[in-house]
């Protein structure tokens, strides 16, 4: 809870990232995404830079998993937004930004190889967050193990 309040305070007194448009559908979702962007920027400036280069729109959907849409939009699931973990939202943005990077740069990989690389990229970010929820690390490691076994 303290981390959320700290991120909320930092977000309120930091400039909003004008290059990334976040749909405002209510329920504080835009503020949570802003907090996740602040977390990314303060945790790993290189990953924030890549995110801001490839993404100019963040929106939400009712699908089963977060994904990318067109060439510059990240869609976060309603389920993840309701869950409310800022660290999870940040991990989603990092993961999906890597997919956008591959897409924008016309890098075609077998689907399992792309997922493997995106989860490794996500895990490298998650390990830098102080007091990150252990389930986020476990999930990334499990997915890495899964997609590594498909080679």
C-alpha atoms as a PDB file:
ATOM      1  CA  UNK A   1       0.000   0.000   0.000  1.00  0.00           C
ATOM      2  CA  UNK A   2       2.872   2.371   0.804  1.00  0.00           C
ATOM      3  CA  UNK A   3       4.397   1.719  -2.615  1.00  0.00           C
ATOM      4  CA  UNK A   4       1.081   2.613  -4.264  1.00  0.00           C
ATOM      5  CA  UNK A   5       0.816   5.836  -2.269  1.00  0.00           C
ATOM      6  CA  UNK A   6       4.417   6.740  -3.091  1.00  0.00           C
ATOM      7  CA  UNK A   7       3.826   6.086  -6.786  1.00  0.00           C
ATOM      8  CA  UNK A   8       0.591   8.068  -6.637  1.00  0.00           C
ATOM      9  CA  UNK A   9       2.410  11.022  -5.053  1.00  0.00           C
ATOM     10  CA  UNK A  10       5.230  10.873  -7.604  1.00  0.00           C
ATOM     11  CA  UNK A  11       2.739  10.634 -10.449  1.00  0.00           C
ATOM     12  CA  UNK A  12       0.708  13.596  -9.273  1.00  0.00           C
ATOM     13  CA  UNK A  13       3.787  15.784  -9.161  1.00  0.00           C
ATOM     14  CA  UNK A  14       5.443  14.453 -12.317  1.00  0.00           C
ATOM     15  CA  UNK A  15       4.595  15.406 -15.855  1.00  0.00           C
ATOM     16  CA  UNK A  16       2.232  13.059 -17.625  1.00  0.00           C
ATOM     17  CA  UNK A  17       3.969  11.238 -20.452  1.00  0.00           C
ATOM     18  CA  UNK A  18       2.405  13.064 -23.380  1.00  0.00           C
ATOM     19  CA  UNK A  19       3.942  10.794 -25.980  1.00  0.00           C
ATOM     20  CA  UNK A  20       1.913   7.832 -24.697  1.00  0.00           C
ATOM     21  CA  UNK A  21      -1.868   8.355 -24.779  1.00  0.00           C
ATOM     22  CA  UNK A  22      -3.703   6.369 -22.122  1.00  0.00           C
ATOM     23  CA  UNK A  23      -7.420   5.863 -22.575  1.00  0.00           C
ATOM     24  CA  UNK A  24      -9.343   7.216 -19.596  1.00  0.00           C
ATOM     25  CA  UNK A  25     -12.254   4.893 -18.982  1.00  0.00           C
ATOM     26  CA  UNK A  26     -12.687   5.692 -15.303  1.00  0.00           C
ATOM     27  CA  UNK A  27     -12.111   3.633 -12.168  1.00  0.00           C
ATOM     28  CA  UNK A  28      -8.635   5.150 -11.794  1.00  0.00           C
ATOM     29  CA  UNK A  29      -7.178   2.967 -14.530  1.00  0.00           C
ATOM     30  CA  UNK A  30      -5.353   5.819 -16.241  1.00  0.00           C
ATOM     31  CA  UNK A  31      -3.739   6.779 -12.932  1.00  0.00           C
ATOM     32  CA  UNK A  32      -2.606   3.171 -12.349  1.00  0.00           C
ATOM     33  CA  UNK A  33      -1.016   3.040 -15.800  1.00  0.00           C
ATOM     34  CA  UNK A  34       0.646   6.416 -15.133  1.00  0.00           C
ATOM     35  CA  UNK A  35       2.005   4.971 -11.885  1.00  0.00           C
ATOM     36  CA  UNK A  36       3.315   1.924 -13.767  1.00  0.00           C
ATOM     37  CA  UNK A  37       5.018   4.211 -16.308  1.00  0.00           C
ATOM     38  CA  UNK A  38       6.640   6.148 -13.458  1.00  0.00           C
ATOM     39  CA  UNK A  39       7.815   2.882 -11.917  1.00  0.00           C
ATOM     40  CA  UNK A  40       9.340   1.784 -15.229  1.00  0.00           C
ATOM     41  CA  UNK A  41      11.032   5.142 -15.780  1.00  0.00           C
ATOM     42  CA  UNK A  42      12.502   5.136 -12.257  1.00  0.00           C
ATOM     43  CA  UNK A  43      13.507   1.460 -12.305  1.00  0.00           C
ATOM     44  CA  UNK A  44      14.995   0.948 -15.772  1.00  0.00           C
ATOM     45  CA  UNK A  45      15.420   3.976 -18.002  1.00  0.00           C
ATOM     46  CA  UNK A  46      16.525   1.851 -20.977  1.00  0.00           C
ATOM     47  CA  UNK A  47      13.344  -0.197 -20.902  1.00  0.00           C
ATOM     48  CA  UNK A  48      11.301   2.965 -20.446  1.00  0.00           C
ATOM     49  CA  UNK A  49      13.005   4.465 -23.476  1.00  0.00           C
ATOM     50  CA  UNK A  50      12.178   1.433 -25.625  1.00  0.00           C
ATOM     51  CA  UNK A  51       8.574   1.498 -24.384  1.00  0.00           C
ATOM     52  CA  UNK A  52       8.175   5.175 -25.234  1.00  0.00           C
ATOM     53  CA  UNK A  53       9.755   4.635 -28.661  1.00  0.00           C
ATOM     54  CA  UNK A  54       7.446   1.815 -29.735  1.00  0.00           C
ATOM     55  CA  UNK A  55       4.192   2.619 -27.912  1.00  0.00           C
ATOM     56  CA  UNK A  56       2.065   5.720 -28.295  1.00  0.00           C
ATOM     57  CA  UNK A  57      -1.261   4.362 -27.025  1.00  0.00           C
ATOM     58  CA  UNK A  58      -2.356   2.216 -24.082  1.00  0.00           C
ATOM     59  CA  UNK A  59      -5.894   0.922 -23.935  1.00  0.00           C
ATOM     60  CA  UNK A  60      -7.921  -1.813 -22.288  1.00  0.00           C
ATOM     61  CA  UNK A  61      -9.928  -4.817 -23.397  1.00  0.00           C
ATOM     62  CA  UNK A  62     -11.925  -7.784 -22.116  1.00  0.00           C
ATOM     63  CA  UNK A  63      -9.705 -10.473 -23.676  1.00  0.00           C
ATOM     64  CA  UNK A  64      -7.980 -13.250 -21.806  1.00  0.00           C
ATOM     65  CA  UNK A  65      -4.465 -11.798 -22.030  1.00  0.00           C
ATOM     66  CA  UNK A  66      -2.765  -8.478 -22.642  1.00  0.00           C
ATOM     67  CA  UNK A  67      -1.539  -7.963 -26.184  1.00  0.00           C
ATOM     68  CA  UNK A  68      -0.621  -5.443 -28.844  1.00  0.00           C
ATOM     69  CA  UNK A  69      -2.889  -3.928 -31.451  1.00  0.00           C
ATOM     70  CA  UNK A  70      -1.823  -2.299 -34.701  1.00  0.00           C
ATOM     71  CA  UNK A  71       1.715  -0.923 -34.704  1.00  0.00           C
ATOM     72  CA  UNK A  72       1.826   1.113 -31.516  1.00  0.00           C
ATOM     73  CA  UNK A  73      -0.938   0.157 -29.053  1.00  0.00           C
ATOM     74  CA  UNK A  74      -0.736  -2.003 -25.942  1.00  0.00           C
ATOM     75  CA  UNK A  75      -4.002  -3.505 -24.695  1.00  0.00           C
ATOM     76  CA  UNK A  76      -4.190  -4.420 -21.008  1.00  0.00           C
ATOM     77  CA  UNK A  77      -6.866  -6.855 -19.876  1.00  0.00           C
ATOM     78  CA  UNK A  78      -9.696  -5.741 -17.677  1.00  0.00           C
ATOM     79  CA  UNK A  79      -8.762  -8.574 -15.288  1.00  0.00           C
ATOM     80  CA  UNK A  80      -5.246  -7.175 -14.782  1.00  0.00           C
ATOM     81  CA  UNK A  81      -6.566  -3.673 -14.216  1.00  0.00           C
ATOM     82  CA  UNK A  82      -9.126  -4.831 -11.655  1.00  0.00           C
ATOM     83  CA  UNK A  83      -6.400  -6.823  -9.875  1.00  0.00           C
ATOM     84  CA  UNK A  84      -4.630  -3.486  -9.479  1.00  0.00           C
ATOM     85  CA  UNK A  85      -0.965  -4.431  -9.022  1.00  0.00           C
ATOM     86  CA  UNK A  86       1.171  -1.551 -10.333  1.00  0.00           C
ATOM     87  CA  UNK A  87       4.124  -3.939 -10.635  1.00  0.00           C
ATOM     88  CA  UNK A  88       2.021  -6.306 -12.747  1.00  0.00           C
ATOM     89  CA  UNK A  89       0.847  -3.464 -15.002  1.00  0.00           C
ATOM     90  CA  UNK A  90       4.469  -2.350 -15.417  1.00  0.00           C
ATOM     91  CA  UNK A  91       5.509  -5.929 -16.266  1.00  0.00           C
ATOM     92  CA  UNK A  92       2.745  -6.121 -18.871  1.00  0.00           C
ATOM     93  CA  UNK A  93       3.885  -2.860 -20.447  1.00  0.00           C
ATOM     94  CA  UNK A  94       7.495  -4.069 -20.544  1.00  0.00           C
ATOM     95  CA  UNK A  95       6.533  -7.455 -22.004  1.00  0.00           C
ATOM     96  CA  UNK A  96       4.224  -6.037 -24.655  1.00  0.00           C
ATOM     97  CA  UNK A  97       6.682  -3.283 -25.580  1.00  0.00           C
ATOM     98  CA  UNK A  98       9.134  -6.003 -26.616  1.00  0.00           C
ATOM     99  CA  UNK A  99       6.452  -7.519 -28.870  1.00  0.00           C
ATOM    100  CA  UNK A 100       5.900  -4.066 -30.391  1.00  0.00           C
ATOM    101  CA  UNK A 101       9.657  -3.699 -30.896  1.00  0.00           C
ATOM    102  CA  UNK A 102       9.784  -6.947 -32.878  1.00  0.00           C
ATOM    103  CA  UNK A 103       6.706  -5.991 -34.872  1.00  0.00           C
ATOM    104  CA  UNK A 104       7.892  -2.466 -35.717  1.00  0.00           C
ATOM    105  CA  UNK A 105      11.329  -3.700 -36.716  1.00  0.00           C
ATOM    106  CA  UNK A 106       9.939  -6.529 -38.878  1.00  0.00           C
ATOM    107  CA  UNK A 107      11.712  -9.151 -36.767  1.00  0.00           C
ATOM    108  CA  UNK A 108       9.910 -12.408 -37.363  1.00  0.00           C
ATOM    109  CA  UNK A 109      10.537 -15.165 -34.872  1.00  0.00           C
ATOM    110  CA  UNK A 110       8.696 -18.391 -34.221  1.00  0.00           C
ATOM    111  CA  UNK A 111       5.907 -17.513 -31.740  1.00  0.00           C
ATOM    112  CA  UNK A 112       7.425 -19.533 -28.893  1.00  0.00           C
ATOM    113  CA  UNK A 113      10.835 -17.881 -29.409  1.00  0.00           C
ATOM    114  CA  UNK A 114       9.295 -14.405 -29.344  1.00  0.00           C
ATOM    115  CA  UNK A 115       7.385 -15.204 -26.140  1.00  0.00           C
ATOM    116  CA  UNK A 116      10.545 -16.631 -24.587  1.00  0.00           C
ATOM    117  CA  UNK A 117      12.473 -13.445 -25.350  1.00  0.00           C
ATOM    118  CA  UNK A 118       9.635 -11.225 -24.092  1.00  0.00           C
ATOM    119  CA  UNK A 119       9.417 -13.125 -20.791  1.00  0.00           C
ATOM    120  CA  UNK A 120      13.197 -12.920 -20.328  1.00  0.00           C
ATOM    121  CA  UNK A 121      12.991  -9.182 -20.973  1.00  0.00           C
ATOM    122  CA  UNK A 122      10.135  -8.912 -18.470  1.00  0.00           C
ATOM    123  CA  UNK A 123      12.023 -10.941 -15.846  1.00  0.00           C
ATOM    124  CA  UNK A 124      15.105  -8.738 -16.203  1.00  0.00           C
ATOM    125  CA  UNK A 125      12.859  -5.782 -15.357  1.00  0.00           C
ATOM    126  CA  UNK A 126      11.022  -7.474 -12.492  1.00  0.00           C
ATOM    127  CA  UNK A 127      14.263  -8.377 -10.713  1.00  0.00           C
ATOM    128  CA  UNK A 128      15.066  -4.661 -10.431  1.00  0.00           C
ATOM    129  CA  UNK A 129      11.856  -3.755  -8.558  1.00  0.00           C
ATOM    130  CA  UNK A 130      12.348  -3.642  -4.789  1.00  0.00           C
ATOM    131  CA  UNK A 131       9.883  -5.857  -2.914  1.00  0.00           C
ATOM    132  CA  UNK A 132       8.262  -7.118  -6.117  1.00  0.00           C
ATOM    133  CA  UNK A 133       5.502  -9.662  -5.599  1.00  0.00           C
ATOM    134  CA  UNK A 134       7.089 -13.149  -5.706  1.00  0.00           C
ATOM    135  CA  UNK A 135       4.304 -14.493  -7.940  1.00  0.00           C
ATOM    136  CA  UNK A 136       5.363 -12.105 -10.723  1.00  0.00           C
ATOM    137  CA  UNK A 137       8.900 -13.514 -10.689  1.00  0.00           C
ATOM    138  CA  UNK A 138       7.567 -17.088 -10.485  1.00  0.00           C
ATOM    139  CA  UNK A 139       5.185 -16.537 -13.379  1.00  0.00           C
ATOM    140  CA  UNK A 140       7.935 -15.145 -15.627  1.00  0.00           C
ATOM    141  CA  UNK A 141      10.273 -18.022 -14.717  1.00  0.00           C
ATOM    142  CA  UNK A 142       7.548 -20.605 -15.378  1.00  0.00           C
ATOM    143  CA  UNK A 143       6.798 -19.074 -18.783  1.00  0.00           C
ATOM    144  CA  UNK A 144      10.517 -18.999 -19.629  1.00  0.00           C
ATOM    145  CA  UNK A 145      10.760 -22.671 -18.718  1.00  0.00           C
ATOM    146  CA  UNK A 146       7.656 -23.476 -20.783  1.00  0.00           C
ATOM    147  CA  UNK A 147       8.759 -21.616 -23.911  1.00  0.00           C
ATOM    148  CA  UNK A 148      12.347 -22.905 -23.592  1.00  0.00           C
ATOM    149  CA  UNK A 149      11.055 -26.465 -23.715  1.00  0.00           C
ATOM    150  CA  UNK A 150       9.405 -25.852 -27.105  1.00  0.00           C
ATOM    151  CA  UNK A 151      12.726 -25.498 -28.962  1.00  0.00           C
END
